[in-house]
Amino acid sequence: MKLPSFSVGQVWKELHRFESLDENESSIVFYAENITSMNHFKTLISELTKKMDLNICYVTSVKDDPMLSSENQKIKSFYIGDGTVRVKFFLTLKARILIMDMPDLEKLYVKRSKVYPVHYIYIFHSMFSMHSYLKKGAIDNYDTIFCVGPHHLNEIKETEKVYGLKPKKLVLYGFARLDTLLQQKRNYPQLNSKPKDLVLITPSYGDNNLLEVCGVELIDILLKSNFKVLLRPHFRTLKESTKLIETINREFGKNPNFTLEKGVIPPDLFHSSVCMISDWSGISLEYAFTFERPVIFIDVPKKILNSNSNDISLEPIEISIRHEIGHVVSPKNLEKIPSLIASSDENDEIHEQIKVVRSKTVYNIGESATVGAKYIQKLNEELRSIN
């Protein structure tokens, strides 16, 4: 399917096209900052448009966003870029509800509407604790938060108490990305039943991520132990550590058992892997909770994204459950990893333990879209009666 291209003038026309809609046509709006936003919107949009027969608008800053060519007649899509047009879109937005997975509303260049009482809903793009992976105040200016689990509920309430903030509406939502992965898992039974030797390495970014600290040595150990290796660096690492990526390509690029993935891990490979090795990347929880299989965490220092995180007394979820859902390995003990991978499917106790942790960590597993869509539908009706 051919995707549309946009000149500067056409982007302004896209904004005018959106602004020409009446209030019922633009009552529910999704905004996608990047292509990964659809990981968190897809099931919710499907529930709203296909099951509830509601019209929505999908506004994106991604030129090649597949949603721009969606054949769903209930979806009106618009491309607004990431410059002046986007700034005006937010400042003059007339909609009842705007749903985003982008933090820092009112903190940077994305502002609340100055012309209409829009209700802003935030969807987390990670299961990690909000005070550890988001900056201070990142979601303070949202009206409703779709919480992944009890940790988000408690953290938001604690944050509001510590900083004297106005209480937000907190929805016991879940994590749509996990629901999608669990559904995909059911669609790949033939892959999940076969013996596997593919190991996924998914580092976070920053000076101390596992790729920077011990990546070359780790890949070498795995390949020499007859594992296949797929490395998916963080997109920031691909941009900021080009010499390291060149070194890895030079060392392993010609090995048929090594793959450097610069985009999204293909679903068939994700679901046919035997293990994931990570550090502090949010995908680690997605993997553990999808396959009920332990992740191997390389014990490098954690990124500190919120310098005020200690203001909140609650231990981040990614720290508190780490030893329950995986093995923590020092960069000095990488030689232990092949045997840990080989024995990962033999320990039924840890599989059951991960299931229990998942049920305590994530709301409404498999049902987040239904819960979220019902809330949006009800809120839309309430706001229509007010405005």
Protein backbone atom coordinates (compact mmCIF):
# COMPACT_ATOMS: atom_id res chain seq x y z
CA MET A 1 0.00 0.00 0.00
CA LYS A 2 1.44 3.37 -1.06
CA LEU A 3 1.68 5.87 1.76
CA PRO A 4 1.07 9.60 1.14
CA SER A 5 3.86 12.18 1.08
CA PHE A 6 3.50 15.73 2.38
CA SER A 7 5.01 19.09 1.49
CA VAL A 8 4.96 21.98 3.98
CA GLY A 9 1.91 23.42 2.28
CA GLN A 10 0.13 20.09 2.37
CA VAL A 11 0.78 19.78 6.11
CA TRP A 12 -0.96 23.12 6.67
CA LYS A 13 -3.84 21.85 4.52
CA GLU A 14 -4.02 18.77 6.75
CA LEU A 15 -4.45 21.03 9.77
CA HIS A 16 -7.15 23.07 8.00
CA ARG A 17 -8.89 19.83 7.03
CA PHE A 18 -8.92 18.77 10.67
CA GLU A 19 -10.12 22.17 11.86
CA SER A 20 -13.02 22.09 9.39
CA LEU A 21 -14.58 19.10 11.17
CA ASP A 22 -17.61 19.67 13.36
CA GLU A 23 -17.43 18.93 17.09
CA ASN A 24 -18.91 15.45 16.79
CA GLU A 25 -16.44 14.42 14.09
CA SER A 26 -13.44 15.58 16.15
CA SER A 27 -14.74 14.72 19.60
CA ILE A 28 -12.25 11.85 20.22
CA VAL A 29 -8.68 12.41 18.99
CA PHE A 30 -5.56 10.23 19.23
CA TYR A 31 -2.15 11.82 18.73
CA ALA A 32 0.90 9.70 17.77
CA GLU A 33 4.30 11.29 18.32
CA ASN A 34 6.17 8.30 16.86
CA ILE A 35 5.51 4.95 15.23
CA THR A 36 5.54 3.03 18.53
CA SER A 37 2.44 4.91 19.71
CA MET A 38 0.29 2.46 17.75
CA ASN A 39 1.56 -0.33 20.02
CA HIS A 40 -0.53 1.30 22.73
CA PHE A 41 -3.41 2.69 20.63
CA LYS A 42 -4.22 -0.15 18.23
CA THR A 43 -6.51 -2.32 20.36
CA LEU A 44 -8.18 0.71 21.93
CA ILE A 45 -8.92 2.28 18.52
CA SER A 46 -10.26 -1.05 17.27
CA GLU A 47 -12.56 -1.35 20.27
CA LEU A 48 -13.90 2.19 19.83
CA THR A 49 -14.43 2.05 16.05
CA LYS A 50 -15.28 -1.57 15.30
CA LYS A 51 -17.13 -2.68 18.42
CA MET A 52 -18.62 0.61 19.62
CA ASP A 53 -19.05 2.10 16.14
CA LEU A 54 -17.60 5.44 17.22
CA ASN A 55 -15.80 7.92 14.96
CA ILE A 56 -12.31 8.99 15.94
CA CYS A 57 -9.54 11.20 14.58
CA TYR A 58 -5.97 9.98 14.39
CA VAL A 59 -3.37 12.74 14.21
CA THR A 60 0.27 11.77 13.69
CA SER A 61 3.73 13.26 13.36
CA VAL A 62 4.96 10.14 11.51
CA LYS A 63 5.21 10.59 7.74
CA ASP A 64 5.00 6.86 6.97
CA ASP A 65 2.37 6.05 9.59
CA PRO A 66 0.26 3.16 8.18
CA MET A 67 -2.80 4.70 9.81
CA LEU A 68 -2.70 7.48 7.20
CA SER A 69 -3.87 4.85 4.71
CA SER A 70 -6.29 3.04 6.98
CA GLU A 71 -9.37 1.66 5.28
CA ASN A 72 -11.39 1.90 8.50
CA GLN A 73 -14.18 4.35 7.61
CA LYS A 74 -14.58 5.29 11.28
CA ILE A 75 -11.07 6.79 11.37
CA LYS A 76 -10.11 10.17 9.94
CA SER A 77 -6.29 10.47 9.78
CA PHE A 78 -4.14 13.60 9.58
CA TYR A 79 -0.40 14.27 9.33
CA ILE A 80 0.81 17.43 11.16
CA GLY A 81 4.59 16.94 11.24
CA ASP A 82 6.66 17.98 14.24
CA GLY A 83 7.11 21.72 13.66
CA THR A 84 4.98 24.86 13.60
CA VAL A 85 1.85 23.10 12.39
CA ARG A 86 1.95 20.76 15.36
CA VAL A 87 2.38 23.67 17.77
CA LYS A 88 -0.70 25.37 16.34
CA PHE A 89 -2.66 22.12 16.33
CA PHE A 90 -2.23 21.77 20.08
CA LEU A 91 -2.76 25.43 20.94
CA THR A 92 -6.01 25.72 18.98
CA LEU A 93 -7.35 22.20 19.40
CA LYS A 94 -11.12 21.84 19.58
CA ALA A 95 -11.92 18.33 20.77
CA ARG A 96 -13.61 16.81 23.78
CA ILE A 97 -10.91 14.20 24.40
CA LEU A 98 -7.26 13.87 23.34
CA ILE A 99 -5.46 10.58 24.01
CA MET A 100 -1.65 10.48 23.96
CA ASP A 101 1.28 8.38 25.16
CA MET A 102 3.58 11.42 25.12
CA PRO A 103 4.66 12.82 28.50
CA ASP A 104 5.62 16.42 29.38
CA LEU A 105 2.36 18.08 28.34
CA GLU A 106 2.74 21.84 29.01
CA LYS A 107 6.41 21.29 29.89
CA LEU A 108 7.97 21.62 26.43
CA TYR A 109 6.52 22.53 23.04
CA VAL A 110 3.23 20.66 23.35
CA LYS A 111 0.65 22.75 25.22
CA ARG A 112 -2.94 22.34 26.31
CA SER A 113 -5.53 23.99 24.08
CA LYS A 114 -6.02 27.69 24.71
CA VAL A 115 -9.42 27.82 23.01
CA TYR A 116 -11.33 24.77 24.23
CA PRO A 117 -11.65 22.70 27.47
CA VAL A 118 -10.09 19.53 26.05
CA HIS A 119 -9.88 16.52 28.39
CA TYR A 120 -6.40 14.95 28.14
CA ILE A 121 -5.84 11.22 28.68
CA TYR A 122 -2.36 9.77 29.16
CA ILE A 123 -1.49 6.16 28.29
CA PHE A 124 1.79 4.78 29.64
CA HIS A 125 4.18 3.40 27.02
CA SER A 126 6.07 1.37 29.63
CA MET A 127 5.12 -0.75 32.61
CA PHE A 128 7.99 0.82 34.57
CA SER A 129 7.32 3.07 37.55
CA MET A 130 6.37 6.61 36.58
CA HIS A 131 8.76 8.37 38.98
CA SER A 132 11.77 6.42 37.69
CA TYR A 133 11.34 6.58 33.91
CA LEU A 134 9.51 9.90 33.53
CA LYS A 135 10.77 13.34 34.48
CA LYS A 136 9.24 15.25 37.38
CA GLY A 137 5.89 16.70 36.35
CA ALA A 138 5.73 14.66 33.13
CA ILE A 139 2.05 13.77 33.52
CA ASP A 140 0.90 16.46 35.96
CA ASN A 141 -1.06 18.35 33.29
CA TYR A 142 -3.18 15.43 32.16
CA ASP A 143 -6.76 15.03 33.40
CA THR A 144 -7.01 11.23 33.28
CA ILE A 145 -4.27 8.61 33.55
CA PHE A 146 -4.72 5.05 32.30
CA CYS A 147 -2.74 3.12 34.95
CA VAL A 148 -0.92 -0.10 34.05
CA GLY A 149 -1.18 -1.56 37.54
CA PRO A 150 -1.39 -0.83 41.28
CA HIS A 151 2.14 0.62 41.25
CA HIS A 152 1.06 3.48 38.98
CA LEU A 153 -2.05 4.11 41.05
CA ASN A 154 0.00 4.34 44.25
CA GLU A 155 2.81 6.36 42.65
CA ILE A 156 0.46 8.97 41.20
CA LYS A 157 -1.41 9.37 44.48
CA GLU A 158 1.89 9.68 46.35
CA THR A 159 3.16 12.23 43.82
CA GLU A 160 0.00 14.31 44.16
CA LYS A 161 0.37 14.21 47.94
CA VAL A 162 4.09 15.09 47.99
CA TYR A 163 3.78 17.99 45.54
CA GLY A 164 0.32 19.19 46.51
CA LEU A 165 -1.17 18.50 43.06
CA LYS A 166 -4.80 18.45 42.01
CA PRO A 167 -6.04 14.82 41.93
CA LYS A 168 -6.39 13.29 38.48
CA LYS A 169 -8.88 10.68 37.35
CA LEU A 170 -7.14 7.32 37.56
CA VAL A 171 -8.42 4.45 35.44
CA LEU A 172 -7.48 0.85 36.30
CA TYR A 173 -6.55 0.11 32.71
CA GLY A 174 -3.71 -2.35 32.05
CA PHE A 175 -1.15 -2.51 29.24
CA ALA A 176 -2.39 -2.86 25.67
CA ARG A 177 1.01 -3.83 24.30
CA LEU A 178 1.09 -6.87 26.59
CA ASP A 179 -2.43 -7.85 25.51
CA THR A 180 -1.29 -7.72 21.88
CA LEU A 181 1.79 -9.84 22.58
CA LEU A 182 -0.26 -12.44 24.45
CA GLN A 183 -2.68 -12.63 21.52
CA GLN A 184 0.23 -13.00 19.08
CA LYS A 185 1.60 -15.77 21.26
CA ARG A 186 -1.64 -17.69 20.79
CA ASN A 187 -1.26 -17.18 17.04
CA TYR A 188 2.25 -18.67 17.00
CA PRO A 189 1.74 -22.10 18.65
CA GLN A 190 3.91 -23.82 16.07
CA LEU A 191 6.82 -21.52 16.91
CA ASN A 192 6.38 -21.84 20.64
CA SER A 193 6.41 -25.64 20.47
CA LYS A 194 9.69 -25.96 18.56
CA PRO A 195 13.15 -26.18 20.14
CA LYS A 196 14.67 -22.70 20.07
CA ASP A 197 18.17 -21.32 20.08
CA LEU A 198 17.53 -17.64 19.31
CA VAL A 199 18.55 -15.16 22.02
CA LEU A 200 17.34 -11.56 21.93
CA ILE A 201 19.58 -8.80 23.33
CA THR A 202 17.64 -5.60 24.02
CA PRO A 203 19.73 -2.94 25.78
CA SER A 204 18.47 0.39 27.02
CA TYR A 205 20.44 3.54 26.18
CA GLY A 206 22.98 5.68 28.03
CA ASP A 207 26.66 5.42 28.92
CA ASN A 208 26.22 2.33 31.09
CA ASN A 209 23.84 0.22 29.02
CA LEU A 210 24.85 -3.42 28.59
CA LEU A 211 25.93 -2.89 24.99
CA GLU A 212 28.45 -0.24 26.02
CA VAL A 213 29.65 -2.18 29.08
CA CYS A 214 29.95 -5.73 27.77
CA GLY A 215 28.07 -6.10 24.49
CA VAL A 216 30.89 -7.45 22.32
CA GLU A 217 31.93 -10.01 24.92
CA LEU A 218 28.33 -11.13 25.50
CA ILE A 219 27.61 -11.64 21.80
CA ASP A 220 30.86 -13.56 21.39
CA ILE A 221 30.05 -15.90 24.29
CA LEU A 222 26.57 -16.64 22.96
CA LEU A 223 27.70 -17.32 19.39
CA LYS A 224 30.48 -19.61 20.59
CA SER A 225 27.86 -21.48 22.65
CA ASN A 226 25.92 -22.17 19.43
CA PHE A 227 23.11 -19.72 20.05
CA LYS A 228 21.68 -17.47 17.38
CA VAL A 229 21.73 -13.82 18.44
CA LEU A 230 19.46 -10.94 17.50
CA LEU A 231 20.67 -7.58 18.82
CA ARG A 232 18.20 -4.72 18.86
CA PRO A 233 19.97 -1.59 20.14
CA HIS A 234 17.94 1.32 21.43
CA PHE A 235 17.34 3.84 18.62
CA ARG A 236 19.32 6.44 20.58
CA THR A 237 22.31 4.10 20.73
CA LEU A 238 22.16 3.67 16.95
CA LYS A 239 22.42 7.46 16.61
CA GLU A 240 24.82 8.27 19.45
CA SER A 241 27.20 5.28 19.47
CA THR A 242 27.97 4.74 15.80
CA LYS A 243 31.55 3.56 16.48
CA LEU A 244 30.29 0.82 18.79
CA ILE A 245 27.72 -0.31 16.21
CA GLU A 246 30.45 -0.33 13.54
CA THR A 247 32.64 -2.46 15.82
CA ILE A 248 29.84 -4.96 16.38
CA ASN A 249 29.13 -5.13 12.66
CA ARG A 250 32.81 -5.67 11.91
CA GLU A 251 33.13 -8.42 14.53
CA PHE A 252 29.90 -10.32 13.90
CA GLY A 253 28.22 -8.97 10.77
CA LYS A 254 29.37 -11.87 8.57
CA ASN A 255 28.28 -14.53 11.06
CA PRO A 256 25.03 -16.10 9.74
CA ASN A 257 23.88 -16.64 13.34
CA PHE A 258 24.01 -12.91 14.17
CA THR A 259 21.37 -10.30 13.29
CA LEU A 260 21.53 -6.57 13.99
CA GLU A 261 17.94 -5.32 14.07
CA LYS A 262 17.64 -1.53 13.73
CA GLY A 263 13.84 -1.42 13.81
CA VAL A 264 11.14 -3.43 15.54
CA ILE A 265 11.87 -7.08 16.32
CA PRO A 266 9.80 -9.12 13.81
CA PRO A 267 6.94 -10.89 15.64
CA ASP A 268 7.93 -14.34 14.36
CA LEU A 269 11.44 -13.93 15.78
CA PHE A 270 10.19 -12.42 19.03
CA HIS A 271 7.88 -15.40 19.54
CA SER A 272 10.40 -18.05 18.48
CA SER A 273 13.19 -16.90 20.80
CA VAL A 274 14.38 -18.84 23.81
CA CYS A 275 15.54 -15.98 26.00
CA MET A 276 15.88 -12.22 26.32
CA ILE A 277 18.93 -10.50 27.77
CA SER A 278 18.43 -6.90 28.81
CA ASP A 279 19.41 -4.34 31.43
CA TRP A 280 16.83 -1.63 32.23
CA SER A 281 14.73 -1.71 29.07
CA GLY A 282 10.96 -1.76 29.41
CA ILE A 283 10.68 -4.55 26.86
CA SER A 284 12.10 -6.90 29.49
CA LEU A 285 8.82 -6.89 31.42
CA GLU A 286 6.87 -7.36 28.20
CA TYR A 287 8.95 -10.46 27.41
CA ALA A 288 8.76 -12.02 30.86
CA PHE A 289 5.00 -11.47 31.15
CA THR A 290 4.30 -12.74 27.62
CA PHE A 291 6.21 -16.02 27.83
CA GLU A 292 6.27 -16.51 31.63
CA ARG A 293 9.97 -17.08 31.08
CA PRO A 294 12.83 -15.51 33.07
CA VAL A 295 14.75 -12.60 31.56
CA ILE A 296 18.49 -12.34 32.11
CA PHE A 297 19.29 -8.86 33.44
CA ILE A 298 22.87 -7.62 33.09
CA ASP A 299 23.56 -5.74 36.31
CA VAL A 300 24.66 -2.36 34.98
CA PRO A 301 23.79 0.94 36.73
CA LYS A 302 20.21 2.10 36.28
CA LYS A 303 19.52 5.23 34.25
CA ILE A 304 18.32 8.12 36.40
CA LEU A 305 15.82 10.06 34.27
CA ASN A 306 14.15 11.83 37.18
CA SER A 307 16.62 13.54 39.51
CA ASN A 308 13.75 14.03 41.98
CA SER A 309 12.70 10.39 42.07
CA ASN A 310 13.74 10.03 45.71
CA ASP A 311 10.93 12.45 46.63
CA ILE A 312 8.63 9.46 46.11
CA SER A 313 9.23 6.80 48.77
CA LEU A 314 7.94 3.86 46.70
CA GLU A 315 10.46 1.45 45.22
CA PRO A 316 10.18 1.33 41.40
CA ILE A 317 8.42 -1.78 40.15
CA GLU A 318 11.27 -2.67 37.77
CA ILE A 319 13.56 -2.95 40.81
CA SER A 320 11.18 -4.65 43.23
CA ILE A 321 10.22 -7.52 40.88
CA ARG A 322 13.53 -7.93 39.06
CA HIS A 323 14.74 -10.99 40.97
CA GLU A 324 11.26 -12.56 40.79
CA ILE A 325 11.02 -12.53 37.00
CA GLY A 326 14.60 -13.20 35.99
CA HIS A 327 18.27 -13.73 36.75
CA VAL A 328 20.52 -10.77 37.56
CA VAL A 329 24.04 -11.34 36.22
CA SER A 330 27.14 -9.25 36.77
CA PRO A 331 29.00 -8.10 33.61
CA LYS A 332 31.97 -9.95 35.15
CA ASN A 333 30.10 -13.29 35.11
CA LEU A 334 28.82 -13.47 31.54
CA GLU A 335 30.12 -17.03 31.12
CA LYS A 336 27.22 -18.19 33.35
CA ILE A 337 24.62 -17.08 30.85
CA PRO A 338 24.60 -20.05 28.39
CA SER A 339 23.82 -22.49 31.21
CA LEU A 340 21.12 -20.18 32.57
CA ILE A 341 19.48 -20.09 29.13
CA ALA A 342 19.72 -23.85 28.74
CA SER A 343 17.98 -24.44 32.07
CA SER A 344 15.33 -21.70 31.73
CA ASP A 345 12.54 -24.00 30.53
CA GLU A 346 13.24 -26.65 33.15
CA ASN A 347 12.19 -24.58 36.16
CA ASP A 348 8.38 -24.78 36.41
CA GLU A 349 8.45 -22.91 39.71
CA ILE A 350 9.77 -19.69 38.18
CA HIS A 351 7.20 -19.88 35.37
CA GLU A 352 4.38 -19.98 37.93
CA GLN A 353 6.07 -17.24 39.94
CA ILE A 354 6.16 -14.95 36.91
CA LYS A 355 2.44 -15.55 36.30
CA VAL A 356 1.69 -14.51 39.87
CA VAL A 357 3.86 -11.39 39.58
CA ARG A 358 2.16 -10.50 36.29
CA SER A 359 -1.31 -10.78 37.80
CA LYS A 360 -0.27 -8.48 40.65
CA THR A 361 1.47 -5.96 38.39
CA VAL A 362 -0.92 -5.47 35.45
CA TYR A 363 -4.64 -4.70 35.49
CA ASN A 364 -7.20 -6.32 33.18
CA ILE A 365 -4.89 -8.64 31.26
CA GLY A 366 -6.43 -9.22 27.85
CA GLU A 367 -9.20 -6.69 28.53
CA SER A 368 -7.49 -3.29 28.67
CA ALA A 369 -9.05 -2.08 25.39
CA THR A 370 -12.56 -2.88 26.59
CA VAL A 371 -12.00 -1.04 29.87
CA GLY A 372 -10.42 1.98 28.20
CA ALA A 373 -13.00 2.25 25.43
CA LYS A 374 -15.90 2.14 27.89
CA TYR A 375 -14.31 4.94 29.89
CA ILE A 376 -13.74 7.07 26.78
CA GLN A 377 -17.27 6.46 25.51
CA LYS A 378 -18.81 7.46 28.85
CA LEU A 379 -16.55 10.49 29.21
CA ASN A 380 -17.40 11.64 25.68
CA GLU A 381 -21.13 11.49 26.47
CA GLU A 382 -20.64 13.39 29.74
CA LEU A 383 -18.59 16.13 28.06
CA ARG A 384 -21.07 16.45 25.20
CA SER A 385 -23.86 17.16 27.71
CA ILE A 386 -21.70 19.80 29.45
CA ASN A 387 -20.29 21.56 26.41
